[in-house]
C-alpha atoms as a PDB file:
ATOM      1  CA  MET A   1       0.000   0.000   0.000  1.00  0.00           C
ATOM      2  CA  LEU A   2       2.691   2.531   1.034  1.00  0.00           C
ATOM      3  CA  ALA A   3       5.385   1.214  -1.307  1.00  0.00           C
ATOM      4  CA  GLN A   4       3.458   2.774  -4.209  1.00  0.00           C
ATOM      5  CA  LEU A   5       3.955   6.230  -2.679  1.00  0.00           C
ATOM      6  CA  ALA A   6       7.495   6.126  -1.335  1.00  0.00           C
ATOM      7  CA  SER A   7      10.523   3.982  -0.596  1.00  0.00           C
ATOM      8  CA  SER A   8      11.486   3.325   3.022  1.00  0.00           C
ATOM      9  CA  SER A   9      14.458   2.431   5.219  1.00  0.00           C
ATOM     10  CA  LEU A  10      14.344   0.632   8.574  1.00  0.00           C
ATOM     11  CA  LEU A  11      16.986   1.794  11.044  1.00  0.00           C
ATOM     12  CA  ASP A  12      18.669  -0.061  13.889  1.00  0.00           C
ATOM     13  CA  PHE A  13      19.436   2.593  16.492  1.00  0.00           C
ATOM     14  CA  PRO A  14      22.813   2.213  18.239  1.00  0.00           C
ATOM     15  CA  GLY A  15      22.353  -0.522  20.836  1.00  0.00           C
ATOM     16  CA  PHE A  16      19.409  -2.071  18.978  1.00  0.00           C
ATOM     17  CA  GLY A  17      19.360  -4.863  16.423  1.00  0.00           C
ATOM     18  CA  GLY A  18      22.802  -5.347  14.903  1.00  0.00           C
ATOM     19  CA  SER A  19      24.142  -1.881  15.771  1.00  0.00           C
ATOM     20  CA  ALA A  20      26.904  -1.283  18.294  1.00  0.00           C
ATOM     21  CA  LYS A  21      26.053   0.130  21.722  1.00  0.00           C
ATOM     22  CA  PRO A  22      26.350   3.932  22.011  1.00  0.00           C
ATOM     23  CA  PRO A  23      28.161   5.781  24.816  1.00  0.00           C
ATOM     24  CA  GLU A  24      26.331   5.478  28.155  1.00  0.00           C
ATOM     25  CA  GLY A  25      25.523   9.173  28.381  1.00  0.00           C
ATOM     26  CA  TRP A  26      23.304   9.258  25.293  1.00  0.00           C
ATOM     27  CA  GLY A  27      19.787  10.668  25.356  1.00  0.00           C
ATOM     28  CA  THR A  28      17.294  11.084  22.548  1.00  0.00           C
ATOM     29  CA  GLY A  29      19.055  14.237  21.342  1.00  0.00           C
ATOM     30  CA  GLU A  30      22.207  12.278  20.524  1.00  0.00           C
ATOM     31  CA  TYR A  31      20.175   9.615  18.732  1.00  0.00           C
ATOM     32  CA  ALA A  32      18.427  12.343  16.708  1.00  0.00           C
ATOM     33  CA  ASP A  33      21.725  13.988  15.738  1.00  0.00           C
ATOM     34  CA  LEU A  34      23.093  10.667  14.499  1.00  0.00           C
ATOM     35  CA  VAL A  35      19.947  10.073  12.427  1.00  0.00           C
ATOM     36  CA  ALA A  36      20.263  13.592  10.999  1.00  0.00           C
ATOM     37  CA  GLU A  37      23.854  12.870   9.986  1.00  0.00           C
ATOM     38  CA  TRP A  38      22.696   9.746   8.145  1.00  0.00           C
ATOM     39  CA  MET A  39      19.810  11.591   6.482  1.00  0.00           C
ATOM     40  CA  THR A  40      22.070  14.306   5.115  1.00  0.00           C
ATOM     41  CA  SER A  41      24.070  11.612   3.335  1.00  0.00           C
ATOM     42  CA  LEU A  42      20.997  10.511   1.339  1.00  0.00           C
ATOM     43  CA  PRO A  43      20.201  11.787  -2.156  1.00  0.00           C
ATOM     44  CA  GLN A  44      18.218  15.016  -2.030  1.00  0.00           C
ATOM     45  CA  GLN A  45      14.544  14.130  -1.552  1.00  0.00           C
ATOM     46  CA  GLU A  46      11.589  14.797   0.709  1.00  0.00           C
ATOM     47  CA  LEU A  47      11.997  12.811   3.918  1.00  0.00           C
ATOM     48  CA  VAL A  48       9.277  11.700   6.345  1.00  0.00           C
ATOM     49  CA  TRP A  49      10.128  10.212   9.750  1.00  0.00           C
ATOM     50  CA  ILE A  50       7.914   7.369  11.016  1.00  0.00           C
ATOM     51  CA  GLY A  51       8.660   6.308  14.595  1.00  0.00           C
ATOM     52  CA  HIS A  52       6.985   4.073  17.164  1.00  0.00           C
ATOM     53  CA  SER A  53       7.359   4.599  20.938  1.00  0.00           C
ATOM     54  CA  PHE A  54      11.079   5.352  21.481  1.00  0.00           C
ATOM     55  CA  GLY A  55      11.310   6.157  17.775  1.00  0.00           C
ATOM     56  CA  GLY A  56       8.732   8.847  18.436  1.00  0.00           C
ATOM     57  CA  ARG A  57      10.948  10.423  21.074  1.00  0.00           C
ATOM     58  CA  VAL A  58      13.814  10.513  18.603  1.00  0.00           C
ATOM     59  CA  GLY A  59      11.543  11.908  15.898  1.00  0.00           C
ATOM     60  CA  ILE A  60      10.437  14.824  18.090  1.00  0.00           C
ATOM     61  CA  GLN A  61      14.073  15.681  18.765  1.00  0.00           C
ATOM     62  CA  LEU A  62      15.002  15.225  15.109  1.00  0.00           C
ATOM     63  CA  ALA A  63      12.273  17.565  13.840  1.00  0.00           C
ATOM     64  CA  ALA A  64      13.062  20.218  16.460  1.00  0.00           C
ATOM     65  CA  ARG A  65      16.872  20.121  16.202  1.00  0.00           C
ATOM     66  CA  HIS A  66      17.038  19.748  12.411  1.00  0.00           C
ATOM     67  CA  PRO A  67      13.898  21.477  11.127  1.00  0.00           C
ATOM     68  CA  ARG A  68      14.952  21.607   7.471  1.00  0.00           C
ATOM     69  CA  LEU A  69      15.418  17.854   7.165  1.00  0.00           C
ATOM     70  CA  LEU A  70      11.833  16.624   7.362  1.00  0.00           C
ATOM     71  CA  ALA A  71       8.855  17.228   5.107  1.00  0.00           C
ATOM     72  CA  GLY A  72       6.621  15.474   7.626  1.00  0.00           C
ATOM     73  CA  MET A  73       6.539  13.069  10.555  1.00  0.00           C
ATOM     74  CA  VAL A  74       4.356  10.205  11.793  1.00  0.00           C
ATOM     75  CA  LEU A  75       4.517   9.328  15.493  1.00  0.00           C
ATOM     76  CA  ILE A  76       2.886   6.020  16.458  1.00  0.00           C
ATOM     77  CA  ALA A  77       2.247   5.431  20.180  1.00  0.00           C
ATOM     78  CA  SER A  78       5.008   7.942  20.750  1.00  0.00           C
ATOM     79  CA  ALA A  79       6.581   8.441  24.140  1.00  0.00           C
ATOM     80  CA  GLY A  80       8.243  11.703  25.135  1.00  0.00           C
ATOM     81  CA  LEU A  81       6.008  13.232  27.788  1.00  0.00           C
ATOM     82  CA  GLN A  82       5.761  12.315  31.443  1.00  0.00           C
ATOM     83  CA  ARG A  83       2.873   9.996  32.269  1.00  0.00           C
ATOM     84  CA  ARG A  84      -0.027  11.417  34.239  1.00  0.00           C
ATOM     85  CA  ARG A  85      -0.590   9.105  37.185  1.00  0.00           C
ATOM     86  CA  SER A  86      -2.998   9.074  40.096  1.00  0.00           C
ATOM     87  CA  LEU A  87      -1.727   9.677  43.621  1.00  0.00           C
ATOM     88  CA  PRO A  88      -1.942   5.954  44.555  1.00  0.00           C
ATOM     89  CA  GLN A  89       0.033   5.069  41.415  1.00  0.00           C
ATOM     90  CA  ARG A  90       2.723   7.640  42.213  1.00  0.00           C
ATOM     91  CA  VAL A  91       2.999   6.394  45.789  1.00  0.00           C
ATOM     92  CA  ARG A  92       3.247   2.765  44.673  1.00  0.00           C
ATOM     93  CA  ILE A  93       5.998   3.566  42.163  1.00  0.00           C
ATOM     94  CA  ALA A  94       7.937   5.639  44.698  1.00  0.00           C
ATOM     95  CA  LEU A  95       7.780   2.839  47.291  1.00  0.00           C
ATOM     96  CA  LYS A  96       8.925   0.286  44.740  1.00  0.00           C
ATOM     97  CA  ARG A  97      11.898   2.424  43.705  1.00  0.00           C
ATOM     98  CA  THR A  98      12.871   3.054  47.317  1.00  0.00           C
ATOM     99  CA  ALA A  99      12.685  -0.651  48.154  1.00  0.00           C
ATOM    100  CA  PHE A 100      14.922  -1.482  45.178  1.00  0.00           C
ATOM    101  CA  LYS A 101      17.509   1.177  46.084  1.00  0.00           C
ATOM    102  CA  ILE A 102      17.691  -0.080  49.675  1.00  0.00           C
ATOM    103  CA  ALA A 103      17.896  -3.753  48.687  1.00  0.00           C
ATOM    104  CA  ARG A 104      20.639  -3.255  46.094  1.00  0.00           C
ATOM    105  CA  ARG A 105      22.950  -1.777  48.744  1.00  0.00           C
ATOM    106  CA  PHE A 106      23.334  -5.251  50.195  1.00  0.00           C
ATOM    107  CA  VAL A 107      24.071  -7.226  47.021  1.00  0.00           C
ATOM    108  CA  LYS A 108      26.816  -7.154  44.419  1.00  0.00           C
ATOM    109  CA  GLU A 109      26.513  -7.356  40.652  1.00  0.00           C
ATOM    110  CA  GLY A 110      25.507 -10.886  39.757  1.00  0.00           C
ATOM    111  CA  PRO A 111      22.568 -13.304  40.130  1.00  0.00           C
ATOM    112  CA  GLN A 112      21.168 -11.636  43.268  1.00  0.00           C
ATOM    113  CA  LEU A 113      21.100  -8.175  41.672  1.00  0.00           C
ATOM    114  CA  ASP A 114      19.597  -9.648  38.511  1.00  0.00           C
ATOM    115  CA  TRP A 115      16.833 -11.159  40.653  1.00  0.00           C
ATOM    116  CA  LEU A 116      16.158  -7.761  42.228  1.00  0.00           C
ATOM    117  CA  ARG A 117      15.907  -6.178  38.782  1.00  0.00           C
ATOM    118  CA  GLN A 118      13.431  -8.839  37.723  1.00  0.00           C
ATOM    119  CA  ARG A 119      11.462  -8.368  40.921  1.00  0.00           C
ATOM    120  CA  PHE A 120      11.317  -4.561  41.019  1.00  0.00           C
ATOM    121  CA  GLY A 121      12.109  -3.329  37.508  1.00  0.00           C
ATOM    122  CA  SER A 122       9.671  -2.485  34.724  1.00  0.00           C
ATOM    123  CA  ARG A 123       9.505  -4.683  31.638  1.00  0.00           C
ATOM    124  CA  ASP A 124      11.693  -2.231  29.706  1.00  0.00           C
ATOM    125  CA  TYR A 125      14.185  -2.001  32.566  1.00  0.00           C
ATOM    126  CA  ARG A 126      14.420  -5.785  32.868  1.00  0.00           C
ATOM    127  CA  SER A 127      15.108  -6.213  29.169  1.00  0.00           C
ATOM    128  CA  ALA A 128      17.410  -3.186  28.732  1.00  0.00           C
ATOM    129  CA  GLY A 129      20.607  -4.967  29.765  1.00  0.00           C
ATOM    130  CA  ALA A 130      23.650  -2.833  28.943  1.00  0.00           C
ATOM    131  CA  LEU A 131      21.365  -0.003  27.805  1.00  0.00           C
ATOM    132  CA  ARG A 132      19.943   0.608  31.303  1.00  0.00           C
ATOM    133  CA  PRO A 133      21.912   3.865  31.842  1.00  0.00           C
ATOM    134  CA  ILE A 134      20.460   5.218  28.600  1.00  0.00           C
ATOM    135  CA  LEU A 135      16.962   3.992  29.486  1.00  0.00           C
ATOM    136  CA  ASN A 136      17.165   5.727  32.868  1.00  0.00           C
ATOM    137  CA  ARG A 137      18.075   9.003  31.183  1.00  0.00           C
ATOM    138  CA  VAL A 138      15.511   8.727  28.393  1.00  0.00           C
ATOM    139  CA  VAL A 139      12.487   7.906  30.563  1.00  0.00           C
ATOM    140  CA  SER A 140      13.179  10.975  32.693  1.00  0.00           C
ATOM    141  CA  GLU A 141      13.093  13.290  29.671  1.00  0.00           C
ATOM    142  CA  ASP A 142      10.106  15.562  29.168  1.00  0.00           C
ATOM    143  CA  LEU A 143      10.029  16.737  25.557  1.00  0.00           C
ATOM    144  CA  SER A 144       7.211  19.259  25.984  1.00  0.00           C
ATOM    145  CA  ASP A 145       9.385  22.263  25.125  1.00  0.00           C
ATOM    146  CA  VAL A 146      11.060  20.338  22.304  1.00  0.00           C
ATOM    147  CA  ALA A 147       7.672  19.396  20.803  1.00  0.00           C
ATOM    148  CA  ARG A 148       6.692  23.066  20.623  1.00  0.00           C
ATOM    149  CA  ARG A 149       9.602  23.631  18.228  1.00  0.00           C
ATOM    150  CA  VAL A 150       8.465  20.993  15.719  1.00  0.00           C
ATOM    151  CA  GLU A 151       7.571  22.807  12.497  1.00  0.00           C
ATOM    152  CA  CYS A 152       6.770  20.010  10.041  1.00  0.00           C
ATOM    153  CA  PRO A 153       3.284  18.515   9.561  1.00  0.00           C
ATOM    154  CA  THR A 154       2.886  15.648  12.028  1.00  0.00           C
ATOM    155  CA  LEU A 155       0.456  12.739  12.246  1.00  0.00           C
ATOM    156  CA  LEU A 156      -0.038  11.251  15.718  1.00  0.00           C
ATOM    157  CA  ILE A 157      -1.496   7.733  15.997  1.00  0.00           C
ATOM    158  CA  TYR A 158      -2.491   6.144  19.319  1.00  0.00           C
ATOM    159  CA  GLY A 159      -4.565   3.141  20.397  1.00  0.00           C
ATOM    160  CA  THR A 160      -7.343   3.330  22.967  1.00  0.00           C
ATOM    161  CA  ALA A 161      -6.023   0.235  24.794  1.00  0.00           C
ATOM    162  CA  ASP A 162      -2.445   1.531  25.097  1.00  0.00           C
ATOM    163  CA  THR A 163      -1.434   1.620  28.774  1.00  0.00           C
ATOM    164  CA  GLU A 164       2.217   2.574  28.148  1.00  0.00           C
ATOM    165  CA  THR A 165       1.633   5.665  26.011  1.00  0.00           C
ATOM    166  CA  PRO A 166      -2.104   6.281  26.471  1.00  0.00           C
ATOM    167  CA  PRO A 167      -4.152   8.449  24.091  1.00  0.00           C
ATOM    168  CA  GLU A 168      -4.064  11.384  26.507  1.00  0.00           C
ATOM    169  CA  MET A 169      -0.345  11.626  25.748  1.00  0.00           C
ATOM    170  CA  GLY A 170      -1.222  11.978  22.084  1.00  0.00           C
ATOM    171  CA  GLU A 171      -3.747  14.666  22.941  1.00  0.00           C
ATOM    172  CA  ARG A 172      -1.083  16.623  24.804  1.00  0.00           C
ATOM    173  CA  LEU A 173       1.362  16.288  21.917  1.00  0.00           C
ATOM    174  CA  ARG A 174      -1.394  17.458  19.585  1.00  0.00           C
ATOM    175  CA  SER A 175      -1.695  20.637  21.650  1.00  0.00           C
ATOM    176  CA  LEU A 176       2.085  21.153  21.630  1.00  0.00           C
ATOM    177  CA  ILE A 177       3.009  20.459  17.991  1.00  0.00           C
ATOM    178  CA  PRO A 178       1.592  23.277  15.846  1.00  0.00           C
ATOM    179  CA  LYS A 179       0.898  21.426  12.568  1.00  0.00           C
ATOM    180  CA  SER A 180      -0.293  18.131  14.008  1.00  0.00           C
ATOM    181  CA  GLU A 181      -3.344  15.920  13.758  1.00  0.00           C
ATOM    182  CA  LEU A 182      -4.337  13.038  16.029  1.00  0.00           C
ATOM    183  CA  ALA A 183      -5.852   9.666  15.065  1.00  0.00           C
ATOM    184  CA  ILE A 184      -7.021   7.400  17.887  1.00  0.00           C
ATOM    185  CA  LEU A 185      -7.590   3.772  16.868  1.00  0.00           C
ATOM    186  CA  ASN A 186     -10.129   1.825  18.872  1.00  0.00           C
ATOM    187  CA  GLY A 187      -9.063  -1.347  20.670  1.00  0.00           C
ATOM    188  CA  PHE A 188      -5.317  -1.366  19.984  1.00  0.00           C
ATOM    189  CA  GLY A 189      -2.509  -1.398  22.527  1.00  0.00           C
ATOM    190  CA  HIS A 190       1.077  -0.198  22.478  1.00  0.00           C
ATOM    191  CA  LEU A 191       2.338  -3.077  20.332  1.00  0.00           C
ATOM    192  CA  SER A 192      -0.839  -4.406  18.737  1.00  0.00           C
ATOM    193  CA  VAL A 193      -1.310  -1.088  16.945  1.00  0.00           C
ATOM    194  CA  LEU A 194       1.563  -2.278  14.719  1.00  0.00           C
ATOM    195  CA  SER A 195       0.274  -5.836  14.295  1.00  0.00           C
ATOM    196  CA  GLU A 196      -3.514  -6.165  14.415  1.00  0.00           C
ATOM    197  CA  GLY A 197      -3.836  -2.454  13.712  1.00  0.00           C
ATOM    198  CA  ARG A 198      -1.279  -2.281  10.909  1.00  0.00           C
ATOM    199  CA  HIS A 199      -3.835  -1.884   8.117  1.00  0.00           C
ATOM    200  CA  GLN A 200      -5.519   1.060   9.806  1.00  0.00           C
ATOM    201  CA  VAL A 201      -2.129   2.615  10.556  1.00  0.00           C
ATOM    202  CA  ALA A 202      -1.006   2.155   6.937  1.00  0.00           C
ATOM    203  CA  LEU A 203      -4.225   3.724   5.652  1.00  0.00           C
ATOM    204  CA  ARG A 204      -3.739   6.828   7.783  1.00  0.00           C
ATOM    205  CA  ILE A 205      -0.087   7.124   6.816  1.00  0.00           C
ATOM    206  CA  ARG A 206      -1.053   6.842   3.150  1.00  0.00           C
ATOM    207  CA  LYS A 207      -3.590   9.671   3.468  1.00  0.00           C
ATOM    208  CA  PHE A 208      -1.004  11.760   5.315  1.00  0.00           C
ATOM    209  CA  LEU A 209       1.623  11.234   2.600  1.00  0.00           C
ATOM    210  CA  GLU A 210      -0.889  12.078  -0.100  1.00  0.00           C
ATOM    211  CA  GLN A 211      -1.688  15.348   1.682  1.00  0.00           C
ATOM    212  CA  LEU A 212       2.021  16.209   1.826  1.00  0.00           C
ATOM    213  CA  LYS A 213       2.300  15.762  -1.930  1.00  0.00           C
ATOM    214  CA  GLN A 214      -0.554  18.197  -2.648  1.00  0.00           C
END
């Protein structure tokens, strides 16, 4: 469906797929700058960034830091803003973090610390491995001010069943990014929006690309 409109490239960010791990101090800004360097090496053409979750964070930084690079952007279940949580949720998370920090004082790196990470860490934290320092930095970022600097037309796509980047995050990004529109797909979660929801996502991306060509 989309191949008729444009060619595409799938990137492995540093530390993902077959790419080497980046320096530990990296945040989404450094990822965006590296992507920009790669994009400038491409033949001159109109470029559209399509990013899911973490790729959305990088896309926001990319569009803000390198505004002349992108003709448009599609953010699918994008992260980048701090989650809005109820008081009980905030208390529960704070207690869990405190318990982990206290417990890790008494164990060394090895099986016992790995068990603590499995017991107290989030799914992303448990699977991050050597990228945990980067994860810790990235999840603390609030890209609200960065999003306000995005100039290119932007399509935001979120699923109603997404508990990791809920639709209200998309609504806030819609209010921050000047030339943005929001599509909320019923019944899809953070990952299923790319599997069961792929046809609806592709349809909306196609319409967005067609609008850019007008």
